[in-house]
Amino acid sequence: MKIINLFGVLEKSCGCVSWLAHWEKCSGLRADFCAAKNCRNRDLVGAHVKRAINGEDIHYIIPLCKKQHAISPEIDIYEGTRLIVYETTELCEKTVKHKIQC
């Protein structure tokens, strides 16, 4: 599955320690390796990426190693990678006004 890496920091933030922690909370999984195919690096960040679905770009968080996140504009990721929609949720902090499920 191909995704587009969104370089730089996006405006939104959440109450999680990091976007990687946010991905782990919402996916219910532990980020052990980079989601990029054939990359087994463990120096991970919660990367902001996008994928076109029905002509609409949808933004997600996925675990990527710092190397892939820094240099790769388009990344082929493992098919089983959980794409977590780039939104804060009730899991992030108690003061979130709109409950959005991961």
N, C-alpha and C. Protein backbone atom coordinates (compact mmCIF):
# COMPACT_ATOMS: atom_id res chain seq x y z
N MET A 1 0.86 -1.16 0.00
CA MET A 1 0.00 0.00 0.00
C MET A 1 0.91 1.23 0.00
N LYS A 2 0.64 2.16 -0.87
CA LYS A 2 1.44 3.40 -0.98
C LYS A 2 0.78 4.52 -0.19
N ILE A 3 1.60 5.26 0.53
CA ILE A 3 1.13 6.44 1.26
C ILE A 3 2.07 7.60 0.94
N ILE A 4 1.61 8.81 1.18
CA ILE A 4 2.42 10.01 0.98
C ILE A 4 2.81 10.55 2.35
N ASN A 5 4.10 10.73 2.54
CA ASN A 5 4.63 11.26 3.78
C ASN A 5 4.39 12.77 3.83
N LEU A 6 3.83 13.25 4.92
CA LEU A 6 3.63 14.69 5.11
C LEU A 6 4.76 15.21 5.99
N PHE A 7 5.69 15.90 5.38
CA PHE A 7 6.85 16.39 6.11
C PHE A 7 6.48 17.56 7.01
N GLY A 8 7.22 17.69 8.09
CA GLY A 8 7.00 18.81 9.00
C GLY A 8 5.93 18.50 10.03
N VAL A 9 5.74 19.41 10.92
CA VAL A 9 4.76 19.24 12.00
C VAL A 9 3.45 19.89 11.59
N LEU A 10 2.37 19.16 11.78
CA LEU A 10 1.05 19.69 11.47
C LEU A 10 0.51 20.44 12.68
N GLU A 11 -0.51 21.23 12.47
CA GLU A 11 -1.03 22.14 13.49
C GLU A 11 -1.62 21.45 14.71
N LYS A 12 -2.36 20.40 14.50
CA LYS A 12 -3.08 19.79 15.62
C LYS A 12 -2.11 19.12 16.60
N SER A 13 -2.56 19.01 17.82
CA SER A 13 -1.83 18.25 18.83
C SER A 13 -2.86 17.58 19.71
N CYS A 14 -2.40 16.65 20.50
CA CYS A 14 -3.33 15.97 21.41
C CYS A 14 -2.68 15.85 22.78
N GLY A 15 -3.39 15.29 23.72
CA GLY A 15 -2.88 15.14 25.08
C GLY A 15 -1.96 13.95 25.26
N CYS A 16 -1.73 13.19 24.21
CA CYS A 16 -0.82 12.04 24.30
C CYS A 16 0.62 12.55 24.40
N VAL A 17 1.50 11.71 24.89
CA VAL A 17 2.91 12.06 25.03
C VAL A 17 3.52 12.39 23.66
N SER A 18 3.11 11.65 22.64
CA SER A 18 3.62 11.85 21.28
C SER A 18 2.60 11.28 20.30
N TRP A 19 2.81 11.54 19.00
CA TRP A 19 1.92 10.97 17.99
C TRP A 19 2.12 9.46 17.90
N LEU A 20 3.30 8.96 18.25
CA LEU A 20 3.51 7.52 18.28
C LEU A 20 2.69 6.90 19.42
N ALA A 21 2.68 7.55 20.57
CA ALA A 21 1.86 7.09 21.69
C ALA A 21 0.38 7.14 21.31
N HIS A 22 -0.01 8.17 20.57
CA HIS A 22 -1.39 8.28 20.09
C HIS A 22 -1.74 7.09 19.20
N TRP A 23 -0.85 6.76 18.26
CA TRP A 23 -1.07 5.61 17.38
C TRP A 23 -1.23 4.33 18.20
N GLU A 24 -0.38 4.13 19.19
CA GLU A 24 -0.46 2.92 20.02
C GLU A 24 -1.78 2.87 20.79
N LYS A 25 -2.21 3.99 21.37
CA LYS A 25 -3.49 4.01 22.10
C LYS A 25 -4.65 3.67 21.18
N CYS A 26 -4.70 4.31 20.04
CA CYS A 26 -5.85 4.14 19.15
C CYS A 26 -5.84 2.80 18.42
N SER A 27 -4.68 2.27 18.14
CA SER A 27 -4.61 0.99 17.42
C SER A 27 -4.71 -0.19 18.37
N GLY A 28 -4.37 0.04 19.64
CA GLY A 28 -4.33 -1.07 20.60
C GLY A 28 -3.12 -1.96 20.37
N LEU A 29 -2.16 -1.47 19.60
CA LEU A 29 -0.96 -2.24 19.26
C LEU A 29 0.28 -1.53 19.80
N ARG A 30 1.37 -2.26 19.85
CA ARG A 30 2.66 -1.68 20.22
C ARG A 30 3.46 -1.46 18.95
N ALA A 31 4.03 -0.29 18.78
CA ALA A 31 4.85 0.01 17.61
C ALA A 31 6.25 -0.55 17.84
N ASP A 32 6.52 -1.68 17.18
CA ASP A 32 7.82 -2.32 17.34
C ASP A 32 8.77 -2.04 16.19
N PHE A 33 8.24 -1.85 14.98
CA PHE A 33 9.07 -1.65 13.80
C PHE A 33 8.44 -0.61 12.89
N CYS A 34 9.27 -0.09 12.01
CA CYS A 34 8.83 0.85 10.99
C CYS A 34 7.81 0.18 10.07
N ALA A 35 6.78 0.92 9.68
CA ALA A 35 5.73 0.38 8.79
C ALA A 35 6.18 0.28 7.34
N ALA A 36 7.29 0.92 6.98
CA ALA A 36 7.79 0.87 5.59
C ALA A 36 8.25 -0.56 5.27
N LYS A 37 7.86 -1.03 4.10
CA LYS A 37 8.26 -2.39 3.69
C LYS A 37 9.77 -2.52 3.70
N ASN A 38 10.22 -3.67 4.17
CA ASN A 38 11.63 -4.03 4.22
C ASN A 38 12.47 -3.13 5.12
N CYS A 39 11.85 -2.44 6.05
CA CYS A 39 12.57 -1.62 7.02
C CYS A 39 12.25 -2.17 8.41
N ARG A 40 13.26 -2.51 9.14
CA ARG A 40 13.07 -3.06 10.49
C ARG A 40 13.63 -2.13 11.56
N ASN A 41 13.84 -0.87 11.22
CA ASN A 41 14.36 0.09 12.19
C ASN A 41 13.38 0.28 13.34
N ARG A 42 13.93 0.59 14.49
CA ARG A 42 13.11 0.75 15.69
C ARG A 42 13.13 2.16 16.26
N ASP A 43 13.81 3.08 15.60
CA ASP A 43 13.87 4.47 16.04
C ASP A 43 12.64 5.17 15.47
N LEU A 44 11.48 5.01 16.13
CA LEU A 44 10.19 5.36 15.54
C LEU A 44 9.62 6.70 15.97
N VAL A 45 8.81 7.25 15.07
CA VAL A 45 7.99 8.43 15.35
C VAL A 45 6.58 8.13 14.86
N GLY A 46 5.63 8.89 15.35
CA GLY A 46 4.28 8.83 14.80
C GLY A 46 4.22 9.77 13.61
N ALA A 47 4.30 9.22 12.42
CA ALA A 47 4.40 10.03 11.21
C ALA A 47 3.03 10.41 10.67
N HIS A 48 2.93 11.62 10.18
CA HIS A 48 1.72 12.12 9.53
C HIS A 48 1.82 11.77 8.05
N VAL A 49 0.84 11.05 7.55
CA VAL A 49 0.84 10.61 6.16
C VAL A 49 -0.55 10.82 5.57
N LYS A 50 -0.65 10.69 4.25
CA LYS A 50 -1.98 10.77 3.63
C LYS A 50 -2.11 9.68 2.59
N ARG A 51 -3.36 9.35 2.33
CA ARG A 51 -3.70 8.33 1.35
C ARG A 51 -4.99 8.78 0.67
N ALA A 52 -5.02 8.66 -0.64
CA ALA A 52 -6.22 9.04 -1.39
C ALA A 52 -7.22 7.89 -1.37
N ILE A 53 -8.42 8.17 -0.92
CA ILE A 53 -9.50 7.19 -0.91
C ILE A 53 -10.70 7.85 -1.58
N ASN A 54 -11.17 7.23 -2.66
CA ASN A 54 -12.29 7.79 -3.43
C ASN A 54 -12.06 9.25 -3.81
N GLY A 55 -10.83 9.56 -4.20
CA GLY A 55 -10.50 10.91 -4.64
C GLY A 55 -10.29 11.92 -3.54
N GLU A 56 -10.39 11.51 -2.29
CA GLU A 56 -10.22 12.42 -1.16
C GLU A 56 -8.97 12.03 -0.38
N ASP A 57 -8.10 13.01 -0.08
CA ASP A 57 -6.92 12.74 0.73
C ASP A 57 -7.33 12.67 2.20
N ILE A 58 -7.00 11.56 2.82
CA ILE A 58 -7.29 11.38 4.24
C ILE A 58 -5.96 11.29 4.97
N HIS A 59 -5.82 12.03 6.08
CA HIS A 59 -4.58 12.07 6.83
C HIS A 59 -4.62 11.05 7.96
N TYR A 60 -3.47 10.40 8.16
CA TYR A 60 -3.33 9.34 9.16
C TYR A 60 -2.04 9.51 9.94
N ILE A 61 -1.96 8.75 11.02
CA ILE A 61 -0.73 8.59 11.79
C ILE A 61 -0.32 7.12 11.64
N ILE A 62 0.97 6.88 11.38
CA ILE A 62 1.51 5.52 11.35
C ILE A 62 2.90 5.55 11.98
N PRO A 63 3.40 4.40 12.44
CA PRO A 63 4.77 4.37 12.94
C PRO A 63 5.77 4.27 11.78
N LEU A 64 6.69 5.21 11.72
CA LEU A 64 7.78 5.18 10.76
C LEU A 64 9.08 5.46 11.50
N CYS A 65 10.17 4.91 10.99
CA CYS A 65 11.47 5.23 11.58
C CYS A 65 11.83 6.66 11.17
N LYS A 66 12.71 7.27 11.94
CA LYS A 66 13.10 8.65 11.67
C LYS A 66 13.73 8.79 10.29
N LYS A 67 14.47 7.78 9.85
CA LYS A 67 15.12 7.84 8.53
C LYS A 67 14.08 7.89 7.41
N GLN A 68 13.12 6.97 7.43
CA GLN A 68 12.08 6.94 6.40
C GLN A 68 11.25 8.21 6.43
N HIS A 69 10.93 8.67 7.62
CA HIS A 69 10.10 9.86 7.76
C HIS A 69 10.81 11.11 7.25
N ALA A 70 12.13 11.15 7.37
CA ALA A 70 12.89 12.33 6.98
C ALA A 70 13.15 12.41 5.48
N ILE A 71 13.24 11.26 4.79
CA ILE A 71 13.71 11.31 3.39
C ILE A 71 12.74 10.77 2.35
N SER A 72 11.70 10.08 2.74
CA SER A 72 10.86 9.39 1.77
C SER A 72 9.54 10.11 1.53
N PRO A 73 9.33 10.70 0.33
CA PRO A 73 8.06 11.38 0.06
C PRO A 73 6.91 10.40 -0.17
N GLU A 74 7.17 9.28 -0.82
CA GLU A 74 6.16 8.24 -1.03
C GLU A 74 6.72 6.95 -0.46
N ILE A 75 5.91 6.27 0.33
CA ILE A 75 6.39 5.08 1.03
C ILE A 75 5.44 3.92 0.79
N ASP A 76 6.01 2.78 0.50
CA ASP A 76 5.26 1.55 0.38
C ASP A 76 5.27 0.89 1.75
N ILE A 77 4.09 0.79 2.37
CA ILE A 77 4.01 0.23 3.72
C ILE A 77 3.36 -1.15 3.70
N TYR A 78 3.56 -1.89 4.77
CA TYR A 78 2.96 -3.21 4.89
C TYR A 78 1.44 -3.11 4.86
N GLU A 79 0.80 -4.03 4.16
CA GLU A 79 -0.67 -4.03 4.00
C GLU A 79 -1.41 -4.05 5.34
N GLY A 80 -0.87 -4.71 6.33
CA GLY A 80 -1.55 -4.84 7.62
C GLY A 80 -1.38 -3.65 8.55
N THR A 81 -0.69 -2.61 8.11
CA THR A 81 -0.45 -1.44 8.96
C THR A 81 -1.77 -0.75 9.31
N ARG A 82 -1.98 -0.52 10.60
CA ARG A 82 -3.18 0.21 11.04
C ARG A 82 -2.99 1.68 10.77
N LEU A 83 -3.87 2.23 9.97
CA LEU A 83 -3.87 3.67 9.67
C LEU A 83 -4.82 4.33 10.66
N ILE A 84 -4.28 5.18 11.51
CA ILE A 84 -5.08 5.85 12.52
C ILE A 84 -5.40 7.26 12.01
N VAL A 85 -6.68 7.56 11.89
CA VAL A 85 -7.10 8.86 11.39
C VAL A 85 -6.52 9.96 12.27
N TYR A 86 -6.02 10.98 11.62
CA TYR A 86 -5.35 12.10 12.28
C TYR A 86 -6.38 13.00 12.95
N GLU A 87 -6.83 12.59 14.12
CA GLU A 87 -7.78 13.35 14.93
C GLU A 87 -7.49 13.05 16.39
N THR A 88 -7.72 14.01 17.25
CA THR A 88 -7.64 13.73 18.68
C THR A 88 -8.92 13.01 19.11
N THR A 89 -8.85 12.25 20.16
CA THR A 89 -9.99 11.46 20.60
C THR A 89 -10.17 11.59 22.11
N GLU A 90 -11.20 10.95 22.60
CA GLU A 90 -11.42 10.94 24.05
C GLU A 90 -10.30 10.20 24.77
N LEU A 91 -9.54 9.38 24.06
CA LEU A 91 -8.40 8.72 24.67
C LEU A 91 -7.25 9.68 24.94
N CYS A 92 -7.20 10.79 24.21
CA CYS A 92 -6.09 11.73 24.31
C CYS A 92 -6.12 12.53 25.60
N GLU A 93 -7.27 13.08 25.89
CA GLU A 93 -7.39 13.91 27.08
C GLU A 93 -8.87 14.05 27.44
N LYS A 94 -9.13 14.31 28.67
CA LYS A 94 -10.50 14.37 29.15
C LYS A 94 -11.26 15.59 28.65
N THR A 95 -10.57 16.62 28.19
CA THR A 95 -11.23 17.87 27.81
C THR A 95 -11.63 17.92 26.33
N VAL A 96 -11.46 16.84 25.60
CA VAL A 96 -11.85 16.85 24.20
C VAL A 96 -13.36 17.02 24.12
N LYS A 97 -13.84 18.00 23.36
CA LYS A 97 -15.26 18.29 23.31
C LYS A 97 -16.03 17.33 22.43
N HIS A 98 -15.47 16.95 21.31
CA HIS A 98 -16.16 16.05 20.37
C HIS A 98 -15.53 14.67 20.45
N LYS A 99 -16.31 13.69 20.77
CA LYS A 99 -15.78 12.33 20.83
C LYS A 99 -15.66 11.77 19.43
N ILE A 100 -14.43 11.54 19.02
CA ILE A 100 -14.15 10.98 17.70
C ILE A 100 -13.44 9.67 17.94
N GLN A 101 -13.97 8.62 17.36
CA GLN A 101 -13.33 7.33 17.55
C GLN A 101 -12.12 7.21 16.65
N CYS A 102 -11.13 6.49 17.14
CA CYS A 102 -9.92 6.26 16.36
C CYS A 102 -10.25 5.44 15.14
